[in-house]
């Protein structure tokens, strides 16, 4: 069996669905082997930005505020 049958109208119909051009496109298969496609560049930039933020030192003023907060917490628990 070939998967085709002769329709009553005389034409041959395939038993498989014909593509109409409205099916969703699988963008992961863009030939580059990159499953994210153009989103990979965005991901790389975000990772680079995040890595820079993590490696930055905490500003002195912010460190002082954190220290004051830590000192105030035990006082609130007692009170």
N, C-alpha and C. Protein backbone atom coordinates (compact mmCIF):
# COMPACT_ATOMS: atom_id res chain seq x y z
N UNK A 1 0.85 -1.19 0.00
CA UNK A 1 0.00 0.00 0.00
C UNK A 1 0.89 1.24 0.00
N UNK A 2 0.59 2.23 -0.79
CA UNK A 2 1.44 3.40 -0.95
C UNK A 2 0.97 4.60 -0.17
N UNK A 3 -0.19 4.52 0.46
CA UNK A 3 -0.67 5.68 1.21
C UNK A 3 -1.51 6.60 0.35
N UNK A 4 -1.80 6.19 -0.86
CA UNK A 4 -2.64 7.01 -1.74
C UNK A 4 -3.85 6.21 -2.17
N UNK A 5 -4.92 6.89 -2.42
CA UNK A 5 -6.12 6.21 -2.92
C UNK A 5 -6.73 7.06 -4.01
N UNK A 6 -7.42 6.42 -4.87
CA UNK A 6 -8.06 7.15 -5.96
C UNK A 6 -9.42 7.63 -5.48
N UNK A 7 -9.62 8.91 -5.51
CA UNK A 7 -10.88 9.50 -5.06
C UNK A 7 -11.95 9.28 -6.10
N UNK A 8 -13.19 9.45 -5.72
CA UNK A 8 -14.31 9.26 -6.63
C UNK A 8 -14.26 10.24 -7.79
N UNK A 9 -13.57 11.34 -7.62
CA UNK A 9 -13.50 12.34 -8.68
C UNK A 9 -12.44 12.01 -9.72
N UNK A 10 -11.65 10.96 -9.49
CA UNK A 10 -10.63 10.60 -10.45
C UNK A 10 -9.25 11.11 -10.09
N UNK A 11 -9.15 11.98 -9.11
CA UNK A 11 -7.83 12.46 -8.71
C UNK A 11 -7.31 11.61 -7.56
N UNK A 12 -6.01 11.63 -7.36
CA UNK A 12 -5.40 10.85 -6.30
C UNK A 12 -5.23 11.73 -5.08
N UNK A 13 -5.76 11.27 -3.95
CA UNK A 13 -5.62 11.98 -2.68
C UNK A 13 -4.59 11.27 -1.82
N UNK A 14 -3.75 12.00 -1.19
CA UNK A 14 -2.77 11.44 -0.28
C UNK A 14 -3.42 11.23 1.08
N UNK A 15 -3.02 10.18 1.77
CA UNK A 15 -3.56 9.93 3.11
C UNK A 15 -2.86 10.77 4.16
N UNK A 16 -1.78 11.40 3.77
CA UNK A 16 -1.09 12.29 4.70
C UNK A 16 -1.57 13.71 4.47
N UNK A 17 -1.49 14.52 5.51
CA UNK A 17 -1.96 15.90 5.43
C UNK A 17 -1.04 16.71 4.51
N UNK A 18 -1.63 17.42 3.60
CA UNK A 18 -0.87 18.28 2.71
C UNK A 18 -0.55 19.58 3.43
N UNK A 19 0.64 20.09 3.19
CA UNK A 19 1.03 21.36 3.79
C UNK A 19 0.35 22.50 3.05
N UNK A 20 -0.23 23.40 3.83
CA UNK A 20 -0.93 24.53 3.24
C UNK A 20 -0.16 25.83 3.38
N UNK A 21 0.94 25.79 4.10
CA UNK A 21 1.71 27.01 4.32
C UNK A 21 1.29 27.76 5.57
N UNK A 22 0.28 27.26 6.27
CA UNK A 22 -0.17 27.92 7.49
C UNK A 22 0.30 27.20 8.74
N UNK A 23 1.05 26.11 8.58
CA UNK A 23 1.56 25.38 9.73
C UNK A 23 2.62 26.22 10.44
N UNK A 24 2.73 26.08 11.76
CA UNK A 24 3.78 26.82 12.47
C UNK A 24 5.16 26.37 12.03
N UNK A 25 6.05 27.31 11.98
CA UNK A 25 7.42 27.03 11.54
C UNK A 25 8.24 26.67 12.76
N UNK A 26 9.02 25.60 12.66
CA UNK A 26 9.91 25.20 13.74
C UNK A 26 11.17 26.04 13.61
N UNK A 27 11.27 27.10 14.37
CA UNK A 27 12.38 28.04 14.25
C UNK A 27 13.67 27.50 14.85
N UNK A 28 13.59 26.39 15.56
CA UNK A 28 14.80 25.81 16.13
C UNK A 28 15.67 25.19 15.05
N UNK A 29 15.11 24.92 13.92
CA UNK A 29 15.87 24.29 12.85
C UNK A 29 16.26 25.34 11.81
N UNK A 30 17.07 26.26 12.22
CA UNK A 30 17.46 27.34 11.33
C UNK A 30 18.77 27.05 10.62
N UNK A 31 19.27 25.83 10.75
CA UNK A 31 20.49 25.46 10.05
C UNK A 31 21.75 25.79 10.80
N UNK A 32 21.68 26.60 11.83
CA UNK A 32 22.89 26.98 12.56
C UNK A 32 23.18 26.02 13.71
N UNK A 33 22.26 25.12 14.02
CA UNK A 33 22.44 24.21 15.12
C UNK A 33 22.17 24.86 16.47
N UNK A 34 21.76 26.10 16.48
CA UNK A 34 21.47 26.84 17.70
C UNK A 34 19.97 26.77 17.97
N UNK A 35 19.53 26.07 19.03
CA UNK A 35 18.10 25.91 19.25
C UNK A 35 17.38 27.20 19.59
N UNK A 36 18.09 28.22 20.06
CA UNK A 36 17.44 29.48 20.42
C UNK A 36 17.41 30.49 19.29
N UNK A 37 18.15 30.24 18.24
CA UNK A 37 18.17 31.16 17.11
C UNK A 37 18.66 32.53 17.50
N UNK A 38 17.90 33.56 17.14
CA UNK A 38 18.31 34.94 17.42
C UNK A 38 18.26 35.26 18.91
N UNK A 39 17.53 34.48 19.69
CA UNK A 39 17.47 34.72 21.13
C UNK A 39 18.78 34.40 21.82
N UNK A 40 19.65 33.66 21.17
CA UNK A 40 20.94 33.32 21.78
C UNK A 40 21.78 34.57 22.02
N UNK A 41 21.75 35.49 21.09
CA UNK A 41 22.53 36.73 21.25
C UNK A 41 21.99 37.52 22.43
N UNK A 42 20.68 37.58 22.58
CA UNK A 42 20.08 38.27 23.72
C UNK A 42 20.51 37.59 25.01
N UNK A 43 20.48 36.26 25.03
CA UNK A 43 20.89 35.51 26.20
C UNK A 43 22.34 35.76 26.57
N UNK A 44 23.20 35.80 25.56
CA UNK A 44 24.62 36.07 25.82
C UNK A 44 24.82 37.46 26.42
N UNK A 45 24.11 38.44 25.88
CA UNK A 45 24.24 39.81 26.39
C UNK A 45 23.73 39.91 27.83
N UNK A 46 22.60 39.25 28.12
CA UNK A 46 22.06 39.27 29.48
C UNK A 46 23.02 38.60 30.46
N UNK A 47 23.60 37.49 30.06
CA UNK A 47 24.56 36.80 30.93
C UNK A 47 25.78 37.68 31.18
N UNK A 48 26.26 38.34 30.13
CA UNK A 48 27.41 39.23 30.28
C UNK A 48 27.07 40.36 31.26
N UNK A 49 25.90 40.95 31.11
CA UNK A 49 25.47 42.04 31.98
C UNK A 49 25.35 41.56 33.43
N UNK A 50 24.74 40.39 33.62
CA UNK A 50 24.58 39.83 34.96
C UNK A 50 25.93 39.55 35.59
N UNK A 51 26.84 38.96 34.84
CA UNK A 51 28.18 38.67 35.36
C UNK A 51 28.90 39.94 35.81
N UNK A 52 28.72 41.02 35.05
CA UNK A 52 29.33 42.29 35.43
C UNK A 52 28.72 42.82 36.73
N UNK A 53 27.40 42.69 36.87
CA UNK A 53 26.74 43.17 38.09
C UNK A 53 27.19 42.38 39.31
N UNK A 54 27.32 41.08 39.16
CA UNK A 54 27.71 40.23 40.28
C UNK A 54 29.14 40.51 40.71
N UNK A 55 29.99 40.82 39.75
CA UNK A 55 31.40 41.03 40.07
C UNK A 55 31.66 42.44 40.63
N UNK A 56 30.70 43.35 40.49
CA UNK A 56 30.88 44.70 41.04
C UNK A 56 30.91 44.66 42.56
N UNK A 57 31.67 45.55 43.14
CA UNK A 57 31.73 45.66 44.60
C UNK A 57 30.48 46.37 45.11
N UNK A 58 30.13 46.04 46.35
CA UNK A 58 29.00 46.70 46.99
C UNK A 58 29.46 48.09 47.42
N UNK A 59 28.72 49.14 47.07
CA UNK A 59 29.11 50.49 47.48
C UNK A 59 29.21 50.60 49.01
N UNK A 60 30.14 51.41 49.47
CA UNK A 60 30.38 51.58 50.91
C UNK A 60 29.11 51.99 51.66
N UNK A 61 28.38 52.92 51.10
CA UNK A 61 27.16 53.41 51.77
C UNK A 61 26.14 52.28 51.93
N UNK A 62 26.01 51.46 50.93
CA UNK A 62 25.08 50.34 50.99
C UNK A 62 25.53 49.32 52.04
N UNK A 63 26.83 49.06 52.11
CA UNK A 63 27.37 48.14 53.11
C UNK A 63 27.12 48.67 54.52
N UNK A 64 27.25 49.99 54.70
CA UNK A 64 26.98 50.60 56.01
C UNK A 64 25.51 50.44 56.40
N UNK A 65 24.62 50.65 55.45
CA UNK A 65 23.19 50.50 55.72
C UNK A 65 22.85 49.05 56.09
N UNK A 66 23.46 48.10 55.41
CA UNK A 66 23.24 46.69 55.74
C UNK A 66 23.73 46.37 57.14
N UNK A 67 24.87 46.93 57.50
CA UNK A 67 25.43 46.72 58.84
C UNK A 67 24.50 47.29 59.91
N UNK A 68 23.97 48.47 59.67
CA UNK A 68 23.05 49.09 60.62
C UNK A 68 21.77 48.26 60.76
N UNK A 69 21.31 47.72 59.66
CA UNK A 69 20.11 46.88 59.68
C UNK A 69 20.35 45.61 60.49
N UNK A 70 21.50 45.00 60.31
CA UNK A 70 21.83 43.78 61.06
C UNK A 70 21.92 44.07 62.56
N UNK A 71 22.44 45.24 62.92
CA UNK A 71 22.55 45.60 64.33
C UNK A 71 21.17 45.90 64.93
N UNK A 72 20.26 46.43 64.14
CA UNK A 72 18.94 46.79 64.63
C UNK A 72 18.03 45.57 64.78
N UNK A 73 18.26 44.52 64.05
CA UNK A 73 17.39 43.34 64.11
C UNK A 73 17.35 42.70 65.50
N UNK A 74 18.48 42.47 66.16
CA UNK A 74 18.40 41.87 67.51
C UNK A 74 17.64 42.74 68.50
N UNK A 75 17.73 44.05 68.36
CA UNK A 75 17.01 44.96 69.26
C UNK A 75 15.51 44.83 69.07
N UNK A 76 15.06 44.63 67.84
CA UNK A 76 13.63 44.50 67.56
C UNK A 76 13.10 43.17 68.11
N UNK A 77 13.91 42.12 68.08
CA UNK A 77 13.46 40.82 68.58
C UNK A 77 13.30 40.85 70.10
N UNK A 78 14.13 41.63 70.80
CA UNK A 78 14.05 41.73 72.26
C UNK A 78 12.85 42.57 72.69
N UNK A 79 12.55 43.59 71.91
CA UNK A 79 11.56 44.58 72.28
C UNK A 79 10.19 44.14 72.10
